[in-house]
Amino acid sequence: MPDPGTFSIPVRVVALLPTPAGCATFFAPVDGEGKTVVIFIDSAVGAFINLHLSGQVIPRPMTHHLMRDMMKGMGIRLRGSCIVRSEKGIYYCRMIVEMENEISERKVLELDSRPGDALAMSLLEGCPFTIRSDIWSDMEDVTDKLQEIRKSSPDGEGPDFF
C-alpha cells in the first residue's frame, strides 16, 4: 500500500450517532472542503471515541488505552491509519506502525484493523486518519442527511456526539 498521505483524504470525525446496530460515524475532510461520508462501527468503540472526543476523563484504562500503552512499552508508534478497501459495504483499514527498540532495528508495519479501532487509536495518538481517494470518491455524500438529523433535534442543531 502507498503511504496513506499520498493517495488518501485526511478526514476528521464531525458526528457520532448511535444506531440500533452500532454507531454511525460521520467524516469530513480535515480541510473542510467537500462532502461528508458515514461508516458504521461497533457501539462500544463508538462510545470510546465519543468519550475521547468529548474530553471526558476515564478513571480506568479501556482496551484502546491498554493497546496504546503496550505499544509504547515495545517501542511501537502509530503513524496513521487508512481505510484501504471496501467490499459489500464493509470497510477495511490499515494501521501504519513504526517499531524501533533495543532488540529490533527500525521496522514499518501495516496492520489490518477494523476502521473503528484504527480511528480510536489514531485519535489517542494524534495521528492522521485517512480514506483512500478512490474509496472516498465512491462513498455517498451524506451532508444533507446529517443536516436533516441535526435540524430535527429539539434544539435545531442536533448532536455532534452522543
C-alpha atoms as a PDB file:
ATOM      1  CA  MET A   1       0.000   0.000   0.000  1.00  0.00           C
ATOM      2  CA  PRO A   2       1.287   3.509  -0.743  1.00  0.00           C
ATOM      3  CA  ASP A   3       1.871   5.981   2.063  1.00  0.00           C
ATOM      4  CA  PRO A   4      -1.625   6.835   3.334  1.00  0.00           C
ATOM      5  CA  GLY A   5      -0.908  10.557   2.974  1.00  0.00           C
ATOM      6  CA  THR A   6      -0.054  10.254  -0.721  1.00  0.00           C
ATOM      7  CA  PHE A   7      -3.230   8.816  -2.210  1.00  0.00           C
ATOM      8  CA  SER A   8      -5.740   9.444   0.529  1.00  0.00           C
ATOM      9  CA  ILE A   9      -8.027  12.077   2.008  1.00  0.00           C
ATOM     10  CA  PRO A  10      -7.271  13.127   5.611  1.00  0.00           C
ATOM     11  CA  VAL A  11     -10.582  13.165   7.488  1.00  0.00           C
ATOM     12  CA  ARG A  12     -11.958  14.174  10.871  1.00  0.00           C
ATOM     13  CA  VAL A  13     -14.979  12.986  12.806  1.00  0.00           C
ATOM     14  CA  VAL A  14     -17.820  15.512  12.600  1.00  0.00           C
ATOM     15  CA  ALA A  15     -20.569  13.493  14.292  1.00  0.00           C
ATOM     16  CA  LEU A  16     -21.238  10.219  16.071  1.00  0.00           C
ATOM     17  CA  LEU A  17     -24.780   8.921  16.344  1.00  0.00           C
ATOM     18  CA  PRO A  18     -25.954   5.709  17.994  1.00  0.00           C
ATOM     19  CA  THR A  19     -27.888   3.287  15.817  1.00  0.00           C
ATOM     20  CA  PRO A  20     -29.667   0.043  16.705  1.00  0.00           C
ATOM     21  CA  ALA A  21     -26.727  -1.903  15.267  1.00  0.00           C
ATOM     22  CA  GLY A  22     -23.789   0.263  16.367  1.00  0.00           C
ATOM     23  CA  CYS A  23     -22.590   3.785  15.762  1.00  0.00           C
ATOM     24  CA  ALA A  24     -22.822   5.963  12.661  1.00  0.00           C
ATOM     25  CA  THR A  25     -19.524   7.812  12.319  1.00  0.00           C
ATOM     26  CA  PHE A  26     -19.592  10.844  10.035  1.00  0.00           C
ATOM     27  CA  PHE A  27     -16.377  12.115   8.453  1.00  0.00           C
ATOM     28  CA  ALA A  28     -15.485  15.269   6.537  1.00  0.00           C
ATOM     29  CA  PRO A  29     -12.146  16.263   5.043  1.00  0.00           C
ATOM     30  CA  VAL A  30      -9.748  17.882   7.510  1.00  0.00           C
ATOM     31  CA  ASP A  31      -9.523  20.931   5.244  1.00  0.00           C
ATOM     32  CA  GLY A  32     -13.313  21.372   5.487  1.00  0.00           C
ATOM     33  CA  GLU A  33     -13.818  21.137   1.728  1.00  0.00           C
ATOM     34  CA  GLY A  34     -16.088  18.571   0.115  1.00  0.00           C
ATOM     35  CA  LYS A  35     -18.604  16.024   1.193  1.00  0.00           C
ATOM     36  CA  THR A  36     -19.495  14.246   4.423  1.00  0.00           C
ATOM     37  CA  VAL A  37     -19.454  10.441   4.488  1.00  0.00           C
ATOM     38  CA  VAL A  38     -20.560   7.867   7.024  1.00  0.00           C
ATOM     39  CA  ILE A  39     -19.363   4.459   8.127  1.00  0.00           C
ATOM     40  CA  PHE A  40     -20.838   2.256  10.831  1.00  0.00           C
ATOM     41  CA  ILE A  41     -18.699   0.969  13.688  1.00  0.00           C
ATOM     42  CA  ASP A  42     -19.174  -1.140  16.799  1.00  0.00           C
ATOM     43  CA  SER A  43     -21.158   0.657  19.513  1.00  0.00           C
ATOM     44  CA  ALA A  44     -18.514   0.072  22.217  1.00  0.00           C
ATOM     45  CA  VAL A  45     -15.805   1.587  20.028  1.00  0.00           C
ATOM     46  CA  GLY A  46     -18.139   4.468  19.177  1.00  0.00           C
ATOM     47  CA  ALA A  47     -18.715   5.088  22.878  1.00  0.00           C
ATOM     48  CA  PHE A  48     -14.946   5.114  23.478  1.00  0.00           C
ATOM     49  CA  ILE A  49     -14.399   7.590  20.621  1.00  0.00           C
ATOM     50  CA  ASN A  50     -17.209   9.756  21.977  1.00  0.00           C
ATOM     51  CA  LEU A  51     -15.625   9.801  25.450  1.00  0.00           C
ATOM     52  CA  HIS A  52     -12.270  10.746  23.962  1.00  0.00           C
ATOM     53  CA  LEU A  53     -13.617  13.489  21.690  1.00  0.00           C
ATOM     54  CA  SER A  54     -15.706  14.996  24.473  1.00  0.00           C
ATOM     55  CA  GLY A  55     -12.629  15.197  26.717  1.00  0.00           C
ATOM     56  CA  GLN A  56     -14.054  13.023  29.480  1.00  0.00           C
ATOM     57  CA  VAL A  57     -11.501  11.579  31.867  1.00  0.00           C
ATOM     58  CA  ILE A  58     -11.867   7.854  32.355  1.00  0.00           C
ATOM     59  CA  PRO A  59     -10.741   6.565  35.776  1.00  0.00           C
ATOM     60  CA  ARG A  60      -9.580   3.177  34.485  1.00  0.00           C
ATOM     61  CA  PRO A  61      -7.873   2.366  31.183  1.00  0.00           C
ATOM     62  CA  MET A  62     -10.071   0.981  28.449  1.00  0.00           C
ATOM     63  CA  THR A  63      -8.971  -1.508  25.774  1.00  0.00           C
ATOM     64  CA  HIS A  64      -7.561   1.129  23.414  1.00  0.00           C
ATOM     65  CA  HIS A  65      -5.595   2.726  26.267  1.00  0.00           C
ATOM     66  CA  LEU A  66      -4.164  -0.692  27.100  1.00  0.00           C
ATOM     67  CA  MET A  67      -3.169  -1.275  23.478  1.00  0.00           C
ATOM     68  CA  ARG A  68      -1.552   2.169  23.291  1.00  0.00           C
ATOM     69  CA  ASP A  69       0.406   1.553  26.491  1.00  0.00           C
ATOM     70  CA  MET A  70       1.561  -1.895  25.322  1.00  0.00           C
ATOM     71  CA  MET A  71       2.700  -0.454  22.003  1.00  0.00           C
ATOM     72  CA  LYS A  72       4.668   2.294  23.751  1.00  0.00           C
ATOM     73  CA  GLY A  73       6.302  -0.267  26.034  1.00  0.00           C
ATOM     74  CA  MET A  74       7.505  -2.210  22.987  1.00  0.00           C
ATOM     75  CA  GLY A  75       8.788   0.844  21.149  1.00  0.00           C
ATOM     76  CA  ILE A  76       5.924   0.886  18.647  1.00  0.00           C
ATOM     77  CA  ARG A  77       4.453   4.171  17.410  1.00  0.00           C
ATOM     78  CA  LEU A  78       1.333   4.572  15.356  1.00  0.00           C
ATOM     79  CA  ARG A  79       1.983   6.750  12.310  1.00  0.00           C
ATOM     80  CA  GLY A  80      -1.536   6.812  10.888  1.00  0.00           C
ATOM     81  CA  SER A  81      -4.478   4.760   9.683  1.00  0.00           C
ATOM     82  CA  CYS A  82      -6.162   4.499   6.309  1.00  0.00           C
ATOM     83  CA  ILE A  83      -9.345   2.900   5.009  1.00  0.00           C
ATOM     84  CA  VAL A  84      -7.893   0.954   2.105  1.00  0.00           C
ATOM     85  CA  ARG A  85     -10.714  -1.224   0.820  1.00  0.00           C
ATOM     86  CA  SER A  86     -14.465  -1.524   0.680  1.00  0.00           C
ATOM     87  CA  GLU A  87     -16.349  -4.701  -0.055  1.00  0.00           C
ATOM     88  CA  LYS A  88     -20.145  -5.014   0.110  1.00  0.00           C
ATOM     89  CA  GLY A  89     -20.438  -2.059   2.472  1.00  0.00           C
ATOM     90  CA  ILE A  90     -17.675  -3.275   4.787  1.00  0.00           C
ATOM     91  CA  TYR A  91     -14.612  -1.076   5.127  1.00  0.00           C
ATOM     92  CA  TYR A  92     -11.118  -2.400   5.748  1.00  0.00           C
ATOM     93  CA  CYS A  93      -8.404  -0.360   7.355  1.00  0.00           C
ATOM     94  CA  ARG A  94      -4.641  -0.478   7.782  1.00  0.00           C
ATOM     95  CA  MET A  95      -2.749   0.946  10.709  1.00  0.00           C
ATOM     96  CA  ILE A  96       0.807   2.008   9.859  1.00  0.00           C
ATOM     97  CA  VAL A  97       3.128   1.429  12.805  1.00  0.00           C
ATOM     98  CA  GLU A  98       6.828   2.006  13.277  1.00  0.00           C
ATOM     99  CA  MET A  99       8.784  -0.173  15.647  1.00  0.00           C
ATOM    100  CA  GLU A 100      12.227   0.551  16.988  1.00  0.00           C
ATOM    101  CA  ASN A 101      13.643  -0.794  20.235  1.00  0.00           C
ATOM    102  CA  GLU A 102      16.792  -2.330  21.730  1.00  0.00           C
ATOM    103  CA  ILE A 103      16.035  -5.720  20.163  1.00  0.00           C
ATOM    104  CA  SER A 104      14.890  -4.675  16.713  1.00  0.00           C
ATOM    105  CA  GLU A 105      16.094  -2.161  14.185  1.00  0.00           C
ATOM    106  CA  ARG A 106      13.531   0.219  12.750  1.00  0.00           C
ATOM    107  CA  LYS A 107      10.646  -1.553  11.044  1.00  0.00           C
ATOM    108  CA  VAL A 108       7.481  -0.162   9.482  1.00  0.00           C
ATOM    109  CA  LEU A 109       4.490  -2.478   9.508  1.00  0.00           C
ATOM    110  CA  GLU A 110       0.949  -2.385   8.164  1.00  0.00           C
ATOM    111  CA  LEU A 111      -1.609  -3.982  10.443  1.00  0.00           C
ATOM    112  CA  ASP A 112      -5.103  -4.983   9.339  1.00  0.00           C
ATOM    113  CA  SER A 113      -7.739  -3.320  11.501  1.00  0.00           C
ATOM    114  CA  ARG A 114     -11.401  -2.534  11.776  1.00  0.00           C
ATOM    115  CA  PRO A 115     -11.880   1.157  10.940  1.00  0.00           C
ATOM    116  CA  GLY A 116     -13.371   1.940  14.350  1.00  0.00           C
ATOM    117  CA  ASP A 117     -10.381   0.512  16.217  1.00  0.00           C
ATOM    118  CA  ALA A 118      -7.938   2.272  13.897  1.00  0.00           C
ATOM    119  CA  LEU A 119      -9.835   5.535  14.373  1.00  0.00           C
ATOM    120  CA  ALA A 120      -9.786   5.150  18.160  1.00  0.00           C
ATOM    121  CA  MET A 121      -6.038   4.523  18.153  1.00  0.00           C
ATOM    122  CA  SER A 122      -5.379   7.378  15.720  1.00  0.00           C
ATOM    123  CA  LEU A 123      -7.321   9.782  17.925  1.00  0.00           C
ATOM    124  CA  LEU A 124      -5.464   8.623  21.052  1.00  0.00           C
ATOM    125  CA  GLU A 125      -2.107   9.102  19.346  1.00  0.00           C
ATOM    126  CA  GLY A 126      -2.992  12.282  17.454  1.00  0.00           C
ATOM    127  CA  CYS A 127      -2.217  10.572  14.143  1.00  0.00           C
ATOM    128  CA  PRO A 128      -3.878  11.088  10.768  1.00  0.00           C
ATOM    129  CA  PHE A 129      -6.887   9.004   9.801  1.00  0.00           C
ATOM    130  CA  THR A 130      -7.409   8.879   6.059  1.00  0.00           C
ATOM    131  CA  ILE A 131      -9.591   7.289   3.408  1.00  0.00           C
ATOM    132  CA  ARG A 132      -8.017   6.210   0.156  1.00  0.00           C
ATOM    133  CA  SER A 133      -9.098   8.656  -2.545  1.00  0.00           C
ATOM    134  CA  ASP A 134     -10.662   6.023  -4.840  1.00  0.00           C
ATOM    135  CA  ILE A 135     -12.796   4.745  -1.957  1.00  0.00           C
ATOM    136  CA  TRP A 136     -13.656   8.316  -0.903  1.00  0.00           C
ATOM    137  CA  SER A 137     -14.906   9.122  -4.403  1.00  0.00           C
ATOM    138  CA  ASP A 138     -17.212   6.059  -4.324  1.00  0.00           C
ATOM    139  CA  MET A 139     -18.713   6.948  -0.926  1.00  0.00           C
ATOM    140  CA  GLU A 140     -22.127   8.624  -0.824  1.00  0.00           C
ATOM    141  CA  ASP A 141     -22.252  12.280   0.183  1.00  0.00           C
ATOM    142  CA  VAL A 142     -24.477  12.393   3.288  1.00  0.00           C
ATOM    143  CA  THR A 143     -24.006  16.078   4.108  1.00  0.00           C
ATOM    144  CA  ASP A 144     -27.715  16.823   3.592  1.00  0.00           C
ATOM    145  CA  LYS A 145     -28.780  13.813   5.672  1.00  0.00           C
ATOM    146  CA  LEU A 146     -26.566  14.891   8.576  1.00  0.00           C
ATOM    147  CA  GLN A 147     -28.002  18.429   8.384  1.00  0.00           C
ATOM    148  CA  GLU A 148     -31.538  16.979   8.469  1.00  0.00           C
ATOM    149  CA  ILE A 149     -30.677  14.931  11.564  1.00  0.00           C
ATOM    150  CA  ARG A 150     -29.265  18.000  13.274  1.00  0.00           C
ATOM    151  CA  LYS A 151     -32.288  20.162  12.375  1.00  0.00           C
ATOM    152  CA  SER A 152     -34.749  17.520  13.627  1.00  0.00           C
ATOM    153  CA  SER A 153     -33.312  17.622  17.149  1.00  0.00           C
ATOM    154  CA  PRO A 154     -35.164  19.669  19.793  1.00  0.00           C
ATOM    155  CA  ASP A 155     -32.581  22.493  19.780  1.00  0.00           C
ATOM    156  CA  GLY A 156     -32.351  22.539  15.967  1.00  0.00           C
ATOM    157  CA  GLU A 157     -28.628  21.870  15.967  1.00  0.00           C
ATOM    158  CA  GLY A 158     -28.550  18.182  16.798  1.00  0.00           C
ATOM    159  CA  PRO A 159     -25.814  16.257  18.469  1.00  0.00           C
ATOM    160  CA  ASP A 160     -22.309  16.074  17.099  1.00  0.00           C
ATOM    161  CA  PHE A 161     -21.586  13.260  19.502  1.00  0.00           C
ATOM    162  CA  PHE A 162     -23.856  11.006  21.514  1.00  0.00           C
END
